[in-house]
């Protein structure tokens, strides 16, 4: 049962089609700059990937060390109670 607040299905379809056409026109106008930006981004990611992997590894190493230290201090506090 449809309430008055919900639009009819054909109205929703027309709105979706209009938005798709507007989006296509916008993207076709900006396609050249988007392709250049994506190509540049790909090169930047490829060149910085080793540095990012090392940073991620160090972050995980320090997080693991901090978790072990925190766990040990929690055990000492429990044993002293």
PDB file of N, CA and C in Angstrom:
ATOM      1  N   UNK A   1       0.843  -1.173   0.000  1.00  0.00           N
ATOM      2  CA  UNK A   1       0.000   0.000   0.000  1.00  0.00           C
ATOM      3  C   UNK A   1       0.886   1.232   0.000  1.00  0.00           C
ATOM      4  N   UNK A   2       0.634   2.144  -0.894  1.00  0.00           N
ATOM      5  CA  UNK A   2       1.471   3.311  -1.081  1.00  0.00           C
ATOM      6  C   UNK A   2       0.870   4.501  -0.340  1.00  0.00           C
ATOM      7  N   UNK A   3       1.740   5.221   0.369  1.00  0.00           N
ATOM      8  CA  UNK A   3       1.258   6.416   1.063  1.00  0.00           C
ATOM      9  C   UNK A   3       1.438   7.628   0.166  1.00  0.00           C
ATOM     10  N   UNK A   4       0.898   8.752   0.565  1.00  0.00           N
ATOM     11  CA  UNK A   4       0.975   9.968  -0.239  1.00  0.00           C
ATOM     12  C   UNK A   4       2.385  10.560  -0.252  1.00  0.00           C
ATOM     13  N   UNK A   5       3.215  10.260   0.748  1.00  0.00           N
ATOM     14  CA  UNK A   5       4.562  10.829   0.825  1.00  0.00           C
ATOM     15  C   UNK A   5       5.517  10.185  -0.172  1.00  0.00           C
ATOM     16  N   UNK A   6       5.230   8.973  -0.609  1.00  0.00           N
ATOM     17  CA  UNK A   6       6.109   8.274  -1.539  1.00  0.00           C
ATOM     18  C   UNK A   6       5.750   8.646  -2.975  1.00  0.00           C
ATOM     19  N   UNK A   7       6.764   8.970  -3.812  1.00  0.00           N
ATOM     20  CA  UNK A   7       6.460   9.281  -5.209  1.00  0.00           C
ATOM     21  C   UNK A   7       6.119   8.009  -5.979  1.00  0.00           C
ATOM     22  N   UNK A   8       5.446   8.197  -7.087  1.00  0.00           N
ATOM     23  CA  UNK A   8       5.161   7.051  -7.952  1.00  0.00           C
ATOM     24  C   UNK A   8       6.455   6.511  -8.533  1.00  0.00           C
ATOM     25  N   UNK A   9       6.418   5.264  -8.965  1.00  0.00           N
ATOM     26  CA  UNK A   9       7.623   4.631  -9.503  1.00  0.00           C
ATOM     27  C   UNK A   9       8.110   5.330 -10.776  1.00  0.00           C
ATOM     28  N   UNK A  10       7.218   5.789 -11.621  1.00  0.00           N
ATOM     29  CA  UNK A  10       7.657   6.430 -12.859  1.00  0.00           C
ATOM     30  C   UNK A  10       8.338   7.754 -12.569  1.00  0.00           C
ATOM     31  N   UNK A  11       7.920   8.457 -11.531  1.00  0.00           N
ATOM     32  CA  UNK A  11       8.580   9.712 -11.178  1.00  0.00           C
ATOM     33  C   UNK A  11      10.006   9.445 -10.702  1.00  0.00           C
ATOM     34  N   UNK A  12      10.180   8.415  -9.922  1.00  0.00           N
ATOM     35  CA  UNK A  12      11.519   8.056  -9.454  1.00  0.00           C
ATOM     36  C   UNK A  12      12.410   7.653 -10.622  1.00  0.00           C
ATOM     37  N   UNK A  13      11.853   6.935 -11.583  1.00  0.00           N
ATOM     38  CA  UNK A  13      12.633   6.519 -12.754  1.00  0.00           C
ATOM     39  C   UNK A  13      13.054   7.714 -13.591  1.00  0.00           C
ATOM     40  N   UNK A  14      12.172   8.683 -13.757  1.00  0.00           N
ATOM     41  CA  UNK A  14      12.508   9.877 -14.532  1.00  0.00           C
ATOM     42  C   UNK A  14      13.584  10.691 -13.831  1.00  0.00           C
ATOM     43  N   UNK A  15      13.493  10.807 -12.517  1.00  0.00           N
ATOM     44  CA  UNK A  15      14.512  11.542 -11.767  1.00  0.00           C
ATOM     45  C   UNK A  15      15.857  10.831 -11.863  1.00  0.00           C
ATOM     46  N   UNK A  16      15.863   9.506 -11.744  1.00  0.00           N
ATOM     47  CA  UNK A  16      17.111   8.743 -11.856  1.00  0.00           C
ATOM     48  C   UNK A  16      17.714   8.898 -13.250  1.00  0.00           C
ATOM     49  N   UNK A  17      16.894   8.874 -14.294  1.00  0.00           N
ATOM     50  CA  UNK A  17      17.395   9.041 -15.656  1.00  0.00           C
ATOM     51  C   UNK A  17      17.956  10.442 -15.866  1.00  0.00           C
ATOM     52  N   UNK A  18      17.290  11.458 -15.332  1.00  0.00           N
ATOM     53  CA  UNK A  18      17.780  12.836 -15.470  1.00  0.00           C
ATOM     54  C   UNK A  18      19.117  13.010 -14.760  1.00  0.00           C
ATOM     55  N   UNK A  19      19.243  12.429 -13.584  1.00  0.00           N
ATOM     56  CA  UNK A  19      20.514  12.512 -12.865  1.00  0.00           C
ATOM     57  C   UNK A  19      21.618  11.757 -13.596  1.00  0.00           C
ATOM     58  N   UNK A  20      21.292  10.638 -14.206  1.00  0.00           N
ATOM     59  CA  UNK A  20      22.290   9.877 -14.964  1.00  0.00           C
ATOM     60  C   UNK A  20      22.765  10.671 -16.179  1.00  0.00           C
ATOM     61  N   UNK A  21      21.841  11.324 -16.880  1.00  0.00           N
ATOM     62  CA  UNK A  21      22.220  12.128 -18.043  1.00  0.00           C
ATOM     63  C   UNK A  21      23.065  13.316 -17.606  1.00  0.00           C
ATOM     64  N   UNK A  22      22.680  13.986 -16.524  1.00  0.00           N
ATOM     65  CA  UNK A  22      23.454  15.126 -16.042  1.00  0.00           C
ATOM     66  C   UNK A  22      24.850  14.684 -15.609  1.00  0.00           C
ATOM     67  N   UNK A  23      24.946  13.540 -14.949  1.00  0.00           N
ATOM     68  CA  UNK A  23      26.246  13.025 -14.535  1.00  0.00           C
ATOM     69  C   UNK A  23      27.113  12.655 -15.712  1.00  0.00           C
ATOM     70  N   UNK A  24      26.508  12.084 -16.756  1.00  0.00           N
ATOM     71  CA  UNK A  24      27.259  11.727 -17.964  1.00  0.00           C
ATOM     72  C   UNK A  24      27.788  12.968 -18.656  1.00  0.00           C
ATOM     73  N   UNK A  25      26.971  14.000 -18.750  1.00  0.00           N
ATOM     74  CA  UNK A  25      27.423  15.240 -19.377  1.00  0.00           C
ATOM     75  C   UNK A  25      28.554  15.874 -18.571  1.00  0.00           C
ATOM     76  N   UNK A  26      28.438  15.839 -17.268  1.00  0.00           N
ATOM     77  CA  UNK A  26      29.497  16.409 -16.429  1.00  0.00           C
ATOM     78  C   UNK A  26      30.793  15.630 -16.589  1.00  0.00           C
ATOM     79  N   UNK A  27      30.709  14.301 -16.563  1.00  0.00           N
ATOM     80  CA  UNK A  27      31.919  13.487 -16.674  1.00  0.00           C
ATOM     81  C   UNK A  27      32.555  13.582 -18.051  1.00  0.00           C
ATOM     82  N   UNK A  28      31.753  13.671 -19.092  1.00  0.00           N
ATOM     83  CA  UNK A  28      32.345  13.775 -20.426  1.00  0.00           C
ATOM     84  C   UNK A  28      33.062  15.103 -20.584  1.00  0.00           C
ATOM     85  N   UNK A  29      32.608  16.152 -19.905  1.00  0.00           N
ATOM     86  CA  UNK A  29      33.273  17.443 -19.951  1.00  0.00           C
ATOM     87  C   UNK A  29      34.591  17.403 -19.182  1.00  0.00           C
ATOM     88  N   UNK A  30      34.640  16.651 -18.100  1.00  0.00           N
ATOM     89  CA  UNK A  30      35.816  16.610 -17.226  1.00  0.00           C
ATOM     90  C   UNK A  30      36.673  15.371 -17.435  1.00  0.00           C
ATOM     91  N   UNK A  31      36.387  14.572 -18.451  1.00  0.00           N
ATOM     92  CA  UNK A  31      37.061  13.292 -18.607  1.00  0.00           C
ATOM     93  C   UNK A  31      38.566  13.432 -18.803  1.00  0.00           C
ATOM     94  N   UNK A  32      39.006  14.426 -19.571  1.00  0.00           N
ATOM     95  CA  UNK A  32      40.430  14.610 -19.810  1.00  0.00           C
ATOM     96  C   UNK A  32      41.201  14.902 -18.541  1.00  0.00           C
ATOM     97  N   UNK A  33      40.683  15.815 -17.725  1.00  0.00           N
ATOM     98  CA  UNK A  33      41.374  16.143 -16.481  1.00  0.00           C
ATOM     99  C   UNK A  33      41.306  14.990 -15.484  1.00  0.00           C
ATOM    100  N   UNK A  34      40.213  14.225 -15.495  1.00  0.00           N
ATOM    101  CA  UNK A  34      40.127  13.061 -14.612  1.00  0.00           C
ATOM    102  C   UNK A  34      41.125  11.985 -15.013  1.00  0.00           C
ATOM    103  N   UNK A  35      41.307  11.771 -16.302  1.00  0.00           N
ATOM    104  CA  UNK A  35      42.273  10.774 -16.761  1.00  0.00           C
ATOM    105  C   UNK A  35      43.695  11.195 -16.403  1.00  0.00           C
ATOM    106  N   UNK A  36      43.993  12.493 -16.543  1.00  0.00           N
ATOM    107  CA  UNK A  36      45.324  12.973 -16.181  1.00  0.00           C
ATOM    108  C   UNK A  36      45.565  12.805 -14.687  1.00  0.00           C
ATOM    109  N   UNK A  37      44.572  13.146 -13.868  1.00  0.00           N
ATOM    110  CA  UNK A  37      44.718  13.022 -12.414  1.00  0.00           C
ATOM    111  C   UNK A  37      44.866  11.567 -12.002  1.00  0.00           C
ATOM    112  N   UNK A  38      44.114  10.664 -12.618  1.00  0.00           N
ATOM    113  CA  UNK A  38      44.226   9.253 -12.243  1.00  0.00           C
ATOM    114  C   UNK A  38      45.572   8.678 -12.672  1.00  0.00           C
ATOM    115  N   UNK A  39      46.098   9.100 -13.816  1.00  0.00           N
ATOM    116  CA  UNK A  39      47.401   8.644 -14.273  1.00  0.00           C
ATOM    117  C   UNK A  39      48.495   9.159 -13.335  1.00  0.00           C
ATOM    118  N   UNK A  40      48.392  10.416 -12.934  1.00  0.00           N
ATOM    119  CA  UNK A  40      49.362  10.990 -12.005  1.00  0.00           C
ATOM    120  C   UNK A  40      49.279  10.292 -10.650  1.00  0.00           C
ATOM    121  N   UNK A  41      48.080  10.024 -10.184  1.00  0.00           N
ATOM    122  CA  UNK A  41      47.902   9.349  -8.907  1.00  0.00           C
ATOM    123  C   UNK A  41      48.492   7.943  -8.940  1.00  0.00           C
ATOM    124  N   UNK A  42      48.337   7.255 -10.038  1.00  0.00           N
ATOM    125  CA  UNK A  42      48.876   5.905 -10.163  1.00  0.00           C
ATOM    126  C   UNK A  42      50.398   5.916 -10.025  1.00  0.00           C
ATOM    127  N   UNK A  43      51.053   6.872 -10.655  1.00  0.00           N
ATOM    128  CA  UNK A  43      52.508   6.965 -10.560  1.00  0.00           C
ATOM    129  C   UNK A  43      52.951   7.330  -9.143  1.00  0.00           C
ATOM    130  N   UNK A  44      52.219   8.217  -8.500  1.00  0.00           N
ATOM    131  CA  UNK A  44      52.567   8.622  -7.140  1.00  0.00           C
ATOM    132  C   UNK A  44      52.421   7.442  -6.186  1.00  0.00           C
ATOM    133  N   UNK A  45      51.356   6.679  -6.321  1.00  0.00           N
ATOM    134  CA  UNK A  45      51.135   5.526  -5.446  1.00  0.00           C
ATOM    135  C   UNK A  45      52.214   4.469  -5.665  1.00  0.00           C
ATOM    136  N   UNK A  46      52.593   4.244  -6.919  1.00  0.00           N
ATOM    137  CA  UNK A  46      53.621   3.242  -7.198  1.00  0.00           C
ATOM    138  C   UNK A  46      54.966   3.648  -6.607  1.00  0.00           C
ATOM    139  N   UNK A  47      55.282   4.924  -6.643  1.00  0.00           N
ATOM    140  CA  UNK A  47      56.581   5.369  -6.138  1.00  0.00           C
ATOM    141  C   UNK A  47      56.619   5.457  -4.610  1.00  0.00           C
ATOM    142  N   UNK A  48      55.490   5.707  -3.987  1.00  0.00           N
ATOM    143  CA  UNK A  48      55.469   5.844  -2.531  1.00  0.00           C
ATOM    144  C   UNK A  48      55.040   4.572  -1.811  1.00  0.00           C
ATOM    145  N   UNK A  49      54.695   3.523  -2.530  1.00  0.00           N
ATOM    146  CA  UNK A  49      54.225   2.291  -1.906  1.00  0.00           C
ATOM    147  C   UNK A  49      55.238   1.689  -0.936  1.00  0.00           C
ATOM    148  N   UNK A  50      56.539   1.607  -1.256  1.00  0.00           N
ATOM    149  CA  UNK A  50      57.475   1.039  -0.286  1.00  0.00           C
ATOM    150  C   UNK A  50      57.546   1.838   1.023  1.00  0.00           C
ATOM    151  N   UNK A  51      57.514   3.149   0.912  1.00  0.00           N
ATOM    152  CA  UNK A  51      57.550   3.986   2.117  1.00  0.00           C
ATOM    153  C   UNK A  51      56.284   3.787   2.943  1.00  0.00           C
ATOM    154  N   UNK A  52      55.152   3.707   2.272  1.00  0.00           N
ATOM    155  CA  UNK A  52      53.896   3.503   2.986  1.00  0.00           C
ATOM    156  C   UNK A  52      53.855   2.133   3.662  1.00  0.00           C
ATOM    157  N   UNK A  53      54.407   1.112   3.007  1.00  0.00           N
ATOM    158  CA  UNK A  53      54.442  -0.222   3.612  1.00  0.00           C
ATOM    159  C   UNK A  53      55.352  -0.259   4.833  1.00  0.00           C
ATOM    160  N   UNK A  54      56.492   0.424   4.763  1.00  0.00           N
ATOM    161  CA  UNK A  54      57.382   0.487   5.925  1.00  0.00           C
ATOM    162  C   UNK A  54      56.698   1.229   7.069  1.00  0.00           C
ATOM    163  N   UNK A  55      56.032   2.330   6.768  1.00  0.00           N
ATOM    164  CA  UNK A  55      55.325   3.082   7.807  1.00  0.00           C
ATOM    165  C   UNK A  55      54.215   2.233   8.435  1.00  0.00           C
ATOM    166  N   UNK A  56      53.492   1.489   7.619  1.00  0.00           N
ATOM    167  CA  UNK A  56      52.446   0.614   8.142  1.00  0.00           C
ATOM    168  C   UNK A  56      53.030  -0.477   9.023  1.00  0.00           C
ATOM    169  N   UNK A  57      54.143  -1.072   8.599  1.00  0.00           N
ATOM    170  CA  UNK A  57      54.787  -2.111   9.397  1.00  0.00           C
ATOM    171  C   UNK A  57      55.271  -1.584  10.739  1.00  0.00           C
ATOM    172  N   UNK A  58      55.890  -0.397  10.735  1.00  0.00           N
ATOM    173  CA  UNK A  58      56.344   0.186  12.004  1.00  0.00           C
ATOM    174  C   UNK A  58      55.175   0.514  12.921  1.00  0.00           C
ATOM    175  N   UNK A  59      54.105   1.021  12.347  1.00  0.00           N
ATOM    176  CA  UNK A  59      52.920   1.331  13.149  1.00  0.00           C
ATOM    177  C   UNK A  59      52.354   0.073  13.794  1.00  0.00           C
ATOM    178  N   UNK A  60      52.266  -1.010  13.032  1.00  0.00           N
ATOM    179  CA  UNK A  60      51.758  -2.265  13.588  1.00  0.00           C
ATOM    180  C   UNK A  60      52.702  -2.834  14.637  1.00  0.00           C
ATOM    181  N   UNK A  61      54.005  -2.698  14.426  1.00  0.00           N
ATOM    182  CA  UNK A  61      54.988  -3.183  15.392  1.00  0.00           C
ATOM    183  C   UNK A  61      54.866  -2.437  16.715  1.00  0.00           C
ATOM    184  N   UNK A  62      54.778  -1.104  16.643  1.00  0.00           N
ATOM    185  CA  UNK A  62      54.636  -0.311  17.863  1.00  0.00           C
ATOM    186  C   UNK A  62      53.291  -0.557  18.538  1.00  0.00           C
ATOM    187  N   UNK A  63      52.245  -0.755  17.769  1.00  0.00           N
ATOM    188  CA  UNK A  63      50.928  -1.037  18.354  1.00  0.00           C
ATOM    189  C   UNK A  63      50.942  -2.372  19.074  1.00  0.00           C
ATOM    190  N   UNK A  64      51.599  -3.370  18.484  1.00  0.00           N
ATOM    191  CA  UNK A  64      51.699  -4.678  19.127  1.00  0.00           C
ATOM    192  C   UNK A  64      52.520  -4.583  20.403  1.00  0.00           C
ATOM    193  N   UNK A  65      53.619  -3.848  20.370  1.00  0.00           N
ATOM    194  CA  UNK A  65      54.457  -3.677  21.560  1.00  0.00           C
ATOM    195  C   UNK A  65      53.671  -2.971  22.663  1.00  0.00           C
ATOM    196  N   UNK A  66      52.921  -1.941  22.305  1.00  0.00           N
ATOM    197  CA  UNK A  66      52.124  -1.209  23.292  1.00  0.00           C
ATOM    198  C   UNK A  66      51.044  -2.102  23.888  1.00  0.00           C
ATOM    199  N   UNK A  67      50.443  -2.976  23.073  1.00  0.00           N
ATOM    200  CA  UNK A  67      49.408  -3.880  23.588  1.00  0.00           C
ATOM    201  C   UNK A  67      50.003  -4.867  24.575  1.00  0.00           C
ATOM    202  N   UNK A  68      51.221  -5.374  24.316  1.00  0.00           N
ATOM    203  CA  UNK A  68      51.868  -6.319  25.233  1.00  0.00           C
ATOM    204  C   UNK A  68      52.214  -5.624  26.537  1.00  0.00           C
ATOM    205  N   UNK A  69      52.738  -4.387  26.457  1.00  0.00           N
ATOM    206  CA  UNK A  69      53.091  -3.636  27.666  1.00  0.00           C
ATOM    207  C   UNK A  69      51.847  -3.339  28.489  1.00  0.00           C
ATOM    208  N   UNK A  70      50.771  -2.947  27.836  1.00  0.00           N
ATOM    209  CA  UNK A  70      49.521  -2.646  28.533  1.00  0.00           C
ATOM    210  C   UNK A  70      48.960  -3.904  29.181  1.00  0.00           C
ATOM    211  N   UNK A  71      49.027  -5.026  28.498  1.00  0.00           N
ATOM    212  CA  UNK A  71      48.524  -6.287  29.042  1.00  0.00           C
ATOM    213  C   UNK A  71      49.333  -6.713  30.263  1.00  0.00           C
ATOM    214  N   UNK A  72      50.653  -6.533  30.205  1.00  0.00           N
ATOM    215  CA  UNK A  72      51.500  -6.895  31.335  1.00  0.00           C
ATOM    216  C   UNK A  72      51.219  -5.993  32.540  1.00  0.00           C
ATOM    217  N   UNK A  73      51.007  -4.726  32.325  1.00  0.00           N
ATOM    218  CA  UNK A  73      50.733  -3.821  33.439  1.00  0.00           C
ATOM    219  C   UNK A  73      49.360  -4.115  34.038  1.00  0.00           C
ATOM    220  N   UNK A  74      48.393  -4.519  33.206  1.00  0.00           N
ATOM    221  CA  UNK A  74      47.080  -4.907  33.718  1.00  0.00           C
ATOM    222  C   UNK A  74      47.175  -6.165  34.589  1.00  0.00           C
ATOM    223  N   UNK A  75      48.015  -7.107  34.186  1.00  0.00           N
ATOM    224  CA  UNK A  75      48.189  -8.330  34.973  1.00  0.00           C
ATOM    225  C   UNK A  75      48.864  -8.013  36.311  1.00  0.00           C
ATOM    226  N   UNK A  76      49.818  -7.070  36.314  1.00  0.00           N
ATOM    227  CA  UNK A  76      50.479  -6.696  37.573  1.00  0.00           C
ATOM    228  C   UNK A  76      49.497  -6.025  38.515  1.00  0.00           C
ATOM    229  N   UNK A  77      48.622  -5.184  37.970  1.00  0.00           N
ATOM    230  CA  UNK A  77      47.625  -4.523  38.813  1.00  0.00           C
ATOM    231  C   UNK A  77      46.633  -5.515  39.385  1.00  0.00           C
ATOM    232  N   UNK A  78      46.242  -6.513  38.620  1.00  0.00           N
ATOM    233  CA  UNK A  78      45.306  -7.524  39.106  1.00  0.00           C
ATOM    234  C   UNK A  78      45.951  -8.394  40.185  1.00  0.00           C
ATOM    235  N   UNK A  79      47.213  -8.697  40.031  1.00  0.00           N
ATOM    236  CA  UNK A  79      47.883  -9.562  41.002  1.00  0.00           C
ATOM    237  C   UNK A  79      48.145  -8.807  42.312  1.00  0.00           C
ATOM    238  N   UNK A  80      48.306  -7.484  42.250  1.00  0.00           N
ATOM    239  CA  UNK A  80      48.548  -6.723  43.469  1.00  0.00           C
ATOM    240  C   UNK A  80      47.274  -6.498  44.278  1.00  0.00           C
ATOM    241  N   UNK A  81      46.125  -6.675  43.640  1.00  0.00           N
ATOM    242  CA  UNK A  81      44.855  -6.492  44.367  1.00  0.00           C
ATOM    243  C   UNK A  81      44.532  -7.701  45.124  1.00  0.00           C
TER     244      UNK A  81
END
